[in-house]
C-alpha atoms as a PDB file:
ATOM      1  CA  MET A   1       5.413  17.541   7.745  1.00  0.00           C
ATOM      2  CA  ASP A   2       7.976  16.892  10.451  1.00  0.00           C
ATOM      3  CA  ALA A   3      10.029  19.879   9.299  1.00  0.00           C
ATOM      4  CA  VAL A   4       7.125  22.270   9.875  1.00  0.00           C
ATOM      5  CA  ASP A   5       5.819  20.518  13.018  1.00  0.00           C
ATOM      6  CA  ALA A   6       2.615  19.412  11.259  1.00  0.00           C
ATOM      7  CA  GLU A   7       1.360  16.468  13.266  1.00  0.00           C
ATOM      8  CA  ARG A   8      -1.588  15.785  10.960  1.00  0.00           C
ATOM      9  CA  ALA A   9      -2.862  17.180   7.685  1.00  0.00           C
ATOM     10  CA  VAL A  10      -5.819  16.995   5.338  1.00  0.00           C
ATOM     11  CA  LEU A  11      -4.636  15.509   2.053  1.00  0.00           C
ATOM     12  CA  LEU A  12      -6.002  16.658  -1.301  1.00  0.00           C
ATOM     13  CA  GLY A  13      -5.718  14.186  -4.174  1.00  0.00           C
ATOM     14  CA  LEU A  14      -6.480  15.636  -7.620  1.00  0.00           C
ATOM     15  CA  GLU A  15      -7.470  13.053 -10.262  1.00  0.00           C
ATOM     16  CA  HIS A  16      -4.212  11.081 -10.018  1.00  0.00           C
ATOM     17  CA  PHE A  17      -4.482  10.708  -6.274  1.00  0.00           C
ATOM     18  CA  ALA A  18      -2.296   7.623  -5.799  1.00  0.00           C
ATOM     19  CA  THR A  19       0.261   9.364  -3.583  1.00  0.00           C
ATOM     20  CA  ALA A  20      -2.391  10.728  -1.238  1.00  0.00           C
ATOM     21  CA  ALA A  21      -4.158   7.345  -1.103  1.00  0.00           C
ATOM     22  CA  VAL A  22      -0.987   5.420  -0.268  1.00  0.00           C
ATOM     23  CA  PHE A  23       0.072   7.998   2.336  1.00  0.00           C
ATOM     24  CA  ALA A  24      -3.342   7.871   4.030  1.00  0.00           C
ATOM     25  CA  ALA A  25      -3.302   4.070   4.108  1.00  0.00           C
ATOM     26  CA  THR A  26       0.292   3.878   5.370  1.00  0.00           C
ATOM     27  CA  PHE A  27       0.337   6.737   7.904  1.00  0.00           C
ATOM     28  CA  PRO A  28      -3.261   7.142   9.164  1.00  0.00           C
ATOM     29  CA  GLN A  29      -2.013   8.736  12.381  1.00  0.00           C
ATOM     30  CA  ARG A  30      -0.679  11.669  10.306  1.00  0.00           C
ATOM     31  CA  VAL A  31      -3.882  12.241   8.325  1.00  0.00           C
ATOM     32  CA  LEU A  32      -6.870  14.202   9.602  1.00  0.00           C
ATOM     33  CA  GLY A  33      -8.803  13.521   6.408  1.00  0.00           C
ATOM     34  CA  LEU A  34      -8.563  12.823   2.680  1.00  0.00           C
ATOM     35  CA  VAL A  35     -10.290  14.733  -0.114  1.00  0.00           C
ATOM     36  CA  ALA A  36     -10.244  12.942  -3.474  1.00  0.00           C
ATOM     37  CA  TYR A  37     -11.294  15.138  -6.391  1.00  0.00           C
ATOM     38  CA  GLU A  38     -12.126  13.287  -9.623  1.00  0.00           C
ATOM     39  CA  PRO A  39      -9.897  10.433  -8.405  1.00  0.00           C
ATOM     40  CA  ARG A  40      -8.604   7.650 -10.609  1.00  0.00           C
ATOM     41  CA  ALA A  41      -7.471   4.311  -9.197  1.00  0.00           C
ATOM     42  CA  ARG A  42      -5.681   3.542 -12.462  1.00  0.00           C
ATOM     43  CA  ASP A  43      -5.406   4.929 -15.985  1.00  0.00           C
ATOM     44  CA  ALA A  44      -5.298   1.667 -17.933  1.00  0.00           C
ATOM     45  CA  TRP A  45      -8.541  -0.075 -18.894  1.00  0.00           C
ATOM     46  CA  ALA A  46      -9.343  -3.366 -17.149  1.00  0.00           C
ATOM     47  CA  PRO A  47     -12.430  -5.638 -17.252  1.00  0.00           C
ATOM     48  CA  ASP A  48     -13.299  -4.545 -13.698  1.00  0.00           C
ATOM     49  CA  TYR A  49     -12.247  -0.920 -14.309  1.00  0.00           C
ATOM     50  CA  PRO A  50     -13.970   0.226 -17.517  1.00  0.00           C
ATOM     51  CA  TRP A  51     -13.125   3.911 -16.984  1.00  0.00           C
ATOM     52  CA  GLY A  52      -9.481   3.441 -17.939  1.00  0.00           C
ATOM     53  CA  TYR A  53      -7.975   4.131 -21.332  1.00  0.00           C
ATOM     54  CA  GLY A  54      -7.364   1.422 -23.894  1.00  0.00           C
ATOM     55  CA  PRO A  55      -3.819   1.118 -25.306  1.00  0.00           C
ATOM     56  CA  ASP A  56      -4.744   2.789 -28.601  1.00  0.00           C
ATOM     57  CA  VAL A  57      -6.369   5.801 -26.959  1.00  0.00           C
ATOM     58  CA  TRP A  58      -3.489   6.111 -24.512  1.00  0.00           C
ATOM     59  CA  SER A  59      -0.984   5.999 -27.363  1.00  0.00           C
ATOM     60  CA  GLN A  60      -2.818   8.859 -29.065  1.00  0.00           C
ATOM     61  CA  GLU A  61      -2.714  10.863 -25.821  1.00  0.00           C
ATOM     62  CA  VAL A  62       1.043  10.315 -25.516  1.00  0.00           C
ATOM     63  CA  ASP A  63       1.622  11.308 -29.154  1.00  0.00           C
ATOM     64  CA  GLU A  64      -0.340  14.523 -28.634  1.00  0.00           C
ATOM     65  CA  VAL A  65       1.640  15.384 -25.502  1.00  0.00           C
ATOM     66  CA  GLU A  66       4.939  14.821 -27.296  1.00  0.00           C
ATOM     67  CA  ARG A  67       3.825  16.888 -30.279  1.00  0.00           C
ATOM     68  CA  SER A  68       2.042  19.858 -28.686  1.00  0.00           C
ATOM     69  CA  TRP A  69       2.735  20.067 -24.940  1.00  0.00           C
ATOM     70  CA  GLY A  70       2.742  23.659 -23.680  1.00  0.00           C
ATOM     71  CA  THR A  71       1.160  25.109 -26.816  1.00  0.00           C
ATOM     72  CA  VAL A  72      -2.139  26.872 -27.366  1.00  0.00           C
ATOM     73  CA  GLN A  73      -3.071  23.943 -29.616  1.00  0.00           C
ATOM     74  CA  ALA A  74      -2.792  21.565 -26.640  1.00  0.00           C
ATOM     75  CA  ALA A  75      -4.755  23.977 -24.448  1.00  0.00           C
ATOM     76  CA  GLN A  76      -7.507  24.082 -27.079  1.00  0.00           C
ATOM     77  CA  SER A  77      -7.687  20.280 -27.120  1.00  0.00           C
ATOM     78  CA  TRP A  78      -7.896  20.078 -23.329  1.00  0.00           C
ATOM     79  CA  ALA A  79     -10.520  22.804 -23.166  1.00  0.00           C
ATOM     80  CA  GLN A  80     -12.861  20.832 -25.404  1.00  0.00           C
ATOM     81  CA  ASP A  81     -13.036  18.102 -22.743  1.00  0.00           C
ATOM     82  CA  VAL A  82     -12.600  19.842 -19.395  1.00  0.00           C
ATOM     83  CA  TRP A  83     -12.800  23.619 -19.787  1.00  0.00           C
ATOM     84  CA  PRO A  84     -15.447  24.506 -22.389  1.00  0.00           C
ATOM     85  CA  GLU A  85     -15.790  28.075 -21.127  1.00  0.00           C
ATOM     86  CA  ALA A  86     -12.185  28.727 -22.227  1.00  0.00           C
ATOM     87  CA  LEU A  87     -12.853  27.840 -25.860  1.00  0.00           C
ATOM     88  CA  GLY A  88     -12.383  30.941 -27.984  1.00  0.00           C
ATOM     89  CA  ASP A  89     -10.780  32.824 -25.082  1.00  0.00           C
ATOM     90  CA  GLN A  90      -7.222  33.294 -26.306  1.00  0.00           C
ATOM     91  CA  ALA A  91      -5.999  34.781 -23.023  1.00  0.00           C
ATOM     92  CA  ARG A  92      -7.189  31.777 -21.014  1.00  0.00           C
ATOM     93  CA  LEU A  93      -5.751  29.318 -23.521  1.00  0.00           C
ATOM     94  CA  CYS A  94      -2.389  31.077 -23.428  1.00  0.00           C
ATOM     95  CA  GLU A  95      -2.507  31.028 -19.627  1.00  0.00           C
ATOM     96  CA  PHE A  96      -3.107  27.272 -19.627  1.00  0.00           C
ATOM     97  CA  ALA A  97      -0.297  26.686 -22.129  1.00  0.00           C
ATOM     98  CA  SER A  98       2.014  28.679 -19.854  1.00  0.00           C
ATOM     99  CA  PHE A  99       0.825  26.612 -16.886  1.00  0.00           C
ATOM    100  CA  GLN A 100       1.903  23.440 -18.713  1.00  0.00           C
ATOM    101  CA  ARG A 101       5.329  24.842 -19.586  1.00  0.00           C
ATOM    102  CA  PHE A 102       5.983  25.945 -16.016  1.00  0.00           C
ATOM    103  CA  GLY A 103       5.210  22.374 -14.965  1.00  0.00           C
ATOM    104  CA  GLY A 104       7.965  20.981 -17.182  1.00  0.00           C
ATOM    105  CA  GLY A 105       8.833  20.116 -20.741  1.00  0.00           C
ATOM    106  CA  PRO A 106       7.384  17.403 -23.012  1.00  0.00           C
ATOM    107  CA  GLY A 107       9.899  14.882 -21.665  1.00  0.00           C
ATOM    108  CA  ASP A 108       8.754  15.514 -18.096  1.00  0.00           C
ATOM    109  CA  ALA A 109       5.128  15.109 -19.141  1.00  0.00           C
ATOM    110  CA  LEU A 110       5.862  11.841 -20.952  1.00  0.00           C
ATOM    111  CA  ALA A 111       7.677  10.471 -17.897  1.00  0.00           C
ATOM    112  CA  LEU A 112       4.628  11.311 -15.794  1.00  0.00           C
ATOM    113  CA  TYR A 113       2.370   9.570 -18.304  1.00  0.00           C
ATOM    114  CA  ASP A 114       4.527   6.436 -18.031  1.00  0.00           C
ATOM    115  CA  VAL A 115       4.116   6.466 -14.255  1.00  0.00           C
ATOM    116  CA  ASP A 116       0.351   6.992 -14.531  1.00  0.00           C
ATOM    117  CA  TRP A 117      -0.019   4.090 -16.960  1.00  0.00           C
ATOM    118  CA  ALA A 118       1.817   1.743 -14.583  1.00  0.00           C
ATOM    119  CA  THR A 119      -0.004   2.868 -11.421  1.00  0.00           C
ATOM    120  CA  ASP A 120      -2.909   0.923  -9.908  1.00  0.00           C
ATOM    121  CA  VAL A 121      -4.090   1.645  -6.343  1.00  0.00           C
ATOM    122  CA  ARG A 122      -7.354  -0.317  -6.370  1.00  0.00           C
ATOM    123  CA  GLU A 123      -6.116  -2.693  -3.669  1.00  0.00           C
ATOM    124  CA  VAL A 124      -5.003   0.256  -1.530  1.00  0.00           C
ATOM    125  CA  LEU A 125      -8.511   1.750  -1.308  1.00  0.00           C
ATOM    126  CA  SER A 126      -9.830  -0.726   1.275  1.00  0.00           C
ATOM    127  CA  ALA A 127      -6.800  -0.038   3.500  1.00  0.00           C
ATOM    128  CA  ILE A 128      -7.630   3.670   3.867  1.00  0.00           C
ATOM    129  CA  ARG A 129      -8.927   4.202   7.400  1.00  0.00           C
ATOM    130  CA  VAL A 130      -9.271   7.985   7.603  1.00  0.00           C
ATOM    131  CA  PRO A 131     -12.298  10.243   6.961  1.00  0.00           C
ATOM    132  CA  THR A 132     -12.562  10.519   3.176  1.00  0.00           C
ATOM    133  CA  GLN A 133     -14.690  12.613   0.851  1.00  0.00           C
ATOM    134  CA  VAL A 134     -14.806  11.792  -2.863  1.00  0.00           C
ATOM    135  CA  ILE A 135     -15.897  14.647  -5.137  1.00  0.00           C
ATOM    136  CA  SER A 136     -16.877  14.273  -8.801  1.00  0.00           C
ATOM    137  CA  ARG A 137     -18.355  16.551 -11.445  1.00  0.00           C
ATOM    138  CA  SER A 138     -21.805  15.602 -12.733  1.00  0.00           C
ATOM    139  CA  GLY A 139     -20.902  16.801 -16.230  1.00  0.00           C
ATOM    140  CA  VAL A 140     -18.039  14.329 -16.624  1.00  0.00           C
ATOM    141  CA  MET A 141     -18.861  11.240 -18.672  1.00  0.00           C
ATOM    142  CA  ASP A 142     -16.946   8.285 -17.213  1.00  0.00           C
ATOM    143  CA  ARG A 143     -16.873   6.199 -20.385  1.00  0.00           C
ATOM    144  CA  GLY A 144     -20.683   6.234 -20.391  1.00  0.00           C
ATOM    145  CA  GLU A 145     -22.198   6.904 -16.973  1.00  0.00           C
ATOM    146  CA  PRO A 146     -21.552  10.231 -15.228  1.00  0.00           C
ATOM    147  CA  LEU A 147     -20.064   9.967 -11.725  1.00  0.00           C
ATOM    148  CA  ALA A 148     -19.526   6.204 -12.007  1.00  0.00           C
ATOM    149  CA  GLU A 149     -15.776   6.259 -11.441  1.00  0.00           C
ATOM    150  CA  GLY A 150     -16.080   8.520  -8.408  1.00  0.00           C
ATOM    151  CA  ARG A 151     -18.745   6.299  -6.883  1.00  0.00           C
ATOM    152  CA  PHE A 152     -16.506   3.265  -7.447  1.00  0.00           C
ATOM    153  CA  ILE A 153     -13.697   4.918  -5.474  1.00  0.00           C
ATOM    154  CA  ALA A 154     -16.054   6.002  -2.668  1.00  0.00           C
ATOM    155  CA  ASN A 155     -17.602   2.527  -2.417  1.00  0.00           C
ATOM    156  CA  HIS A 156     -14.188   0.923  -1.963  1.00  0.00           C
ATOM    157  CA  VAL A 157     -12.898   3.298   0.744  1.00  0.00           C
ATOM    158  CA  PRO A 158     -14.480   2.312   4.078  1.00  0.00           C
ATOM    159  CA  GLY A 159     -16.809   5.023   5.357  1.00  0.00           C
ATOM    160  CA  ALA A 160     -16.098   7.436   2.501  1.00  0.00           C
ATOM    161  CA  SER A 161     -18.728  10.016   1.543  1.00  0.00           C
ATOM    162  CA  PHE A 162     -19.509  10.946  -2.051  1.00  0.00           C
ATOM    163  CA  LEU A 163     -20.407  14.396  -3.361  1.00  0.00           C
ATOM    164  CA  ALA A 164     -21.364  15.430  -6.897  1.00  0.00           C
ATOM    165  CA  LEU A 165     -20.657  18.995  -8.003  1.00  0.00           C
ATOM    166  CA  PRO A 166     -22.125  20.479 -11.190  1.00  0.00           C
ATOM    167  CA  GLY A 167     -20.069  21.234 -14.276  1.00  0.00           C
ATOM    168  CA  GLN A 168     -17.125  19.820 -16.166  1.00  0.00           C
ATOM    169  CA  ARG A 169     -13.834  18.630 -14.715  1.00  0.00           C
ATOM    170  CA  PHE A 170     -11.415  21.458 -14.036  1.00  0.00           C
ATOM    171  CA  TRP A 171     -10.005  21.626 -10.568  1.00  0.00           C
ATOM    172  CA  TRP A 172      -9.548  25.326  -9.817  1.00  0.00           C
ATOM    173  CA  LYS A 173     -13.215  26.307  -9.714  1.00  0.00           C
ATOM    174  CA  ASP A 174     -14.444  28.355  -6.768  1.00  0.00           C
ATOM    175  CA  ASP A 175     -17.078  25.826  -5.672  1.00  0.00           C
ATOM    176  CA  LEU A 176     -14.364  23.215  -5.124  1.00  0.00           C
ATOM    177  CA  ALA A 177     -12.415  25.476  -2.755  1.00  0.00           C
ATOM    178  CA  THR A 178     -15.600  26.253  -0.818  1.00  0.00           C
ATOM    179  CA  THR A 179     -16.523  22.561  -0.606  1.00  0.00           C
ATOM    180  CA  ILE A 180     -13.085  21.545   0.647  1.00  0.00           C
ATOM    181  CA  GLU A 181     -13.043  24.361   3.216  1.00  0.00           C
ATOM    182  CA  SER A 182     -16.442  23.233   4.522  1.00  0.00           C
ATOM    183  CA  TYR A 183     -15.267  19.617   4.812  1.00  0.00           C
ATOM    184  CA  VAL A 184     -12.069  20.587   6.657  1.00  0.00           C
ATOM    185  CA  THR A 185     -14.115  22.707   9.075  1.00  0.00           C
ATOM    186  CA  GLN A 186     -16.377  19.713   9.692  1.00  0.00           C
ATOM    187  CA  LEU A 187     -13.380  17.461  10.376  1.00  0.00           C
ATOM    188  CA  ARG A 188     -11.900  19.913  12.875  1.00  0.00           C
ATOM    189  CA  GLU A 189     -15.235  20.333  14.659  1.00  0.00           C
ATOM    190  CA  GLU A 190     -15.580  16.563  14.923  1.00  0.00           C
ATOM    191  CA  GLU A 191     -12.033  16.324  16.243  1.00  0.00           C
ATOM    192  CA  GLU A 192     -12.809  18.870  18.971  1.00  0.00           C
ATOM    193  CA  GLU A 193     -15.965  16.926  19.813  1.00  0.00           C
ATOM    194  CA  PHE A 194     -13.976  13.699  20.092  1.00  0.00           C
ATOM    195  CA  ASP A 195     -11.543  15.426  22.453  1.00  0.00           C
ATOM    196  CA  ARG A 196     -14.381  15.923  24.948  1.00  0.00           C
ATOM    197  CA  VAL A 197     -15.567  12.329  25.178  1.00  0.00           C
ATOM    198  CA  LEU A 198     -14.357   9.389  27.263  1.00  0.00           C
ATOM    199  CA  ALA A 199     -11.061   8.021  25.964  1.00  0.00           C
ATOM    200  CA  SER A 200      -8.993   4.939  26.668  1.00  0.00           C
ATOM    201  CA  ILE A 201      -5.243   4.961  27.202  1.00  0.00           C
ATOM    202  CA  LEU A 202      -3.230   1.893  26.261  1.00  0.00           C
ATOM    203  CA  PHE A 203       0.093   1.295  27.997  1.00  0.00           C
ATOM    204  CA  THR A 204       2.462  -1.211  26.422  1.00  0.00           C
ATOM    205  CA  ASP A 205       5.876  -2.495  27.365  1.00  0.00           C
ATOM    206  CA  ILE A 206       8.505  -4.868  26.006  1.00  0.00           C
ATOM    207  CA  VAL A 207       8.843  -7.926  28.214  1.00  0.00           C
ATOM    208  CA  GLY A 208      12.250  -8.105  29.859  1.00  0.00           C
ATOM    209  CA  GLY A 209      13.022  -4.625  28.599  1.00  0.00           C
ATOM    210  CA  THR A 210      15.656  -3.739  31.186  1.00  0.00           C
ATOM    211  CA  GLU A 211      17.711  -6.873  30.558  1.00  0.00           C
ATOM    212  CA  ARG A 212      17.298  -6.569  26.797  1.00  0.00           C
ATOM    213  CA  ALA A 213      18.426  -2.924  26.792  1.00  0.00           C
ATOM    214  CA  ALA A 214      21.507  -3.813  28.799  1.00  0.00           C
ATOM    215  CA  SER A 215      22.428  -6.631  26.437  1.00  0.00           C
ATOM    216  CA  ILE A 216      22.003  -4.819  23.089  1.00  0.00           C
ATOM    217  CA  GLY A 217      23.041  -1.250  23.975  1.00  0.00           C
ATOM    218  CA  ASP A 218      21.275   2.116  23.908  1.00  0.00           C
ATOM    219  CA  ARG A 219      21.217   2.696  20.140  1.00  0.00           C
ATOM    220  CA  ALA A 220      19.806  -0.736  19.298  1.00  0.00           C
ATOM    221  CA  TRP A 221      17.326  -0.422  22.160  1.00  0.00           C
ATOM    222  CA  ARG A 222      16.001   2.908  20.830  1.00  0.00           C
ATOM    223  CA  GLY A 223      15.508   1.300  17.423  1.00  0.00           C
ATOM    224  CA  LEU A 224      13.651  -1.627  18.986  1.00  0.00           C
ATOM    225  CA  VAL A 225      11.369   0.718  20.961  1.00  0.00           C
ATOM    226  CA  GLU A 226      10.594   2.739  17.825  1.00  0.00           C
ATOM    227  CA  GLU A 227       9.739  -0.452  15.946  1.00  0.00           C
ATOM    228  CA  HIS A 228       7.498  -1.510  18.831  1.00  0.00           C
ATOM    229  CA  HIS A 229       5.669   1.842  18.758  1.00  0.00           C
ATOM    230  CA  THR A 230       5.190   1.600  14.982  1.00  0.00           C
ATOM    231  CA  LEU A 231       3.653  -1.882  15.222  1.00  0.00           C
ATOM    232  CA  VAL A 232       1.335  -0.879  18.062  1.00  0.00           C
ATOM    233  CA  ARG A 233       0.197   2.310  16.347  1.00  0.00           C
ATOM    234  CA  GLY A 234      -0.427   0.426  13.133  1.00  0.00           C
ATOM    235  CA  SER A 235      -2.628  -2.084  14.967  1.00  0.00           C
ATOM    236  CA  LEU A 236      -4.526   0.706  16.712  1.00  0.00           C
ATOM    237  CA  ALA A 237      -5.155   2.481  13.414  1.00  0.00           C
ATOM    238  CA  ARG A 238      -6.355  -0.754  11.837  1.00  0.00           C
ATOM    239  CA  TYR A 239      -8.713  -1.877  14.619  1.00  0.00           C
END
């Protein structure tokens, strides 16, 4: 973001949205908003997270990835769950198999599965303090109740909104792009509106700064000032 002079961005987290969630919680001043599409806080089952996979089911998933990643057979299996309109369409299935191969080999996929299994961002959700929209598909069965996992995520992110779209889970559908574009437009309009209201400016200083700078030198002083700014900005974002 620094390299392209992007002060703030809207983050899009697709299913495994841990990176976007942690970034939003850690650097709220760099995030205009967060869109979480079919988000998962973790992949492993837990008593308080019934939408995760049990060890046996997960082991079967890993075996299938190792055996058939990047093949039409794997595409067919995925389509049964998330892309029913592609069933029987050989061209689409071949396209999806190619998509997997361009993403990496079976070893890369297995490494990613290991990371997913070990990831749990449930405790991060309450620390997210940026505008957030959670989007789920009404046709997705979350181990029983449709939309339940998405609602769980939205309920644990302060101020998050929840939106249900029709259909099965598959992220490159046109209605998703339209929905995200509408949300980003809303965020930018709100930002412009905020720019026209009364604002407060907080000035801070380090006590005895002149003497301290003289005693520790310019380089150390710059580091101390940067640390001071980080602490202040973090407190402002939190409160």
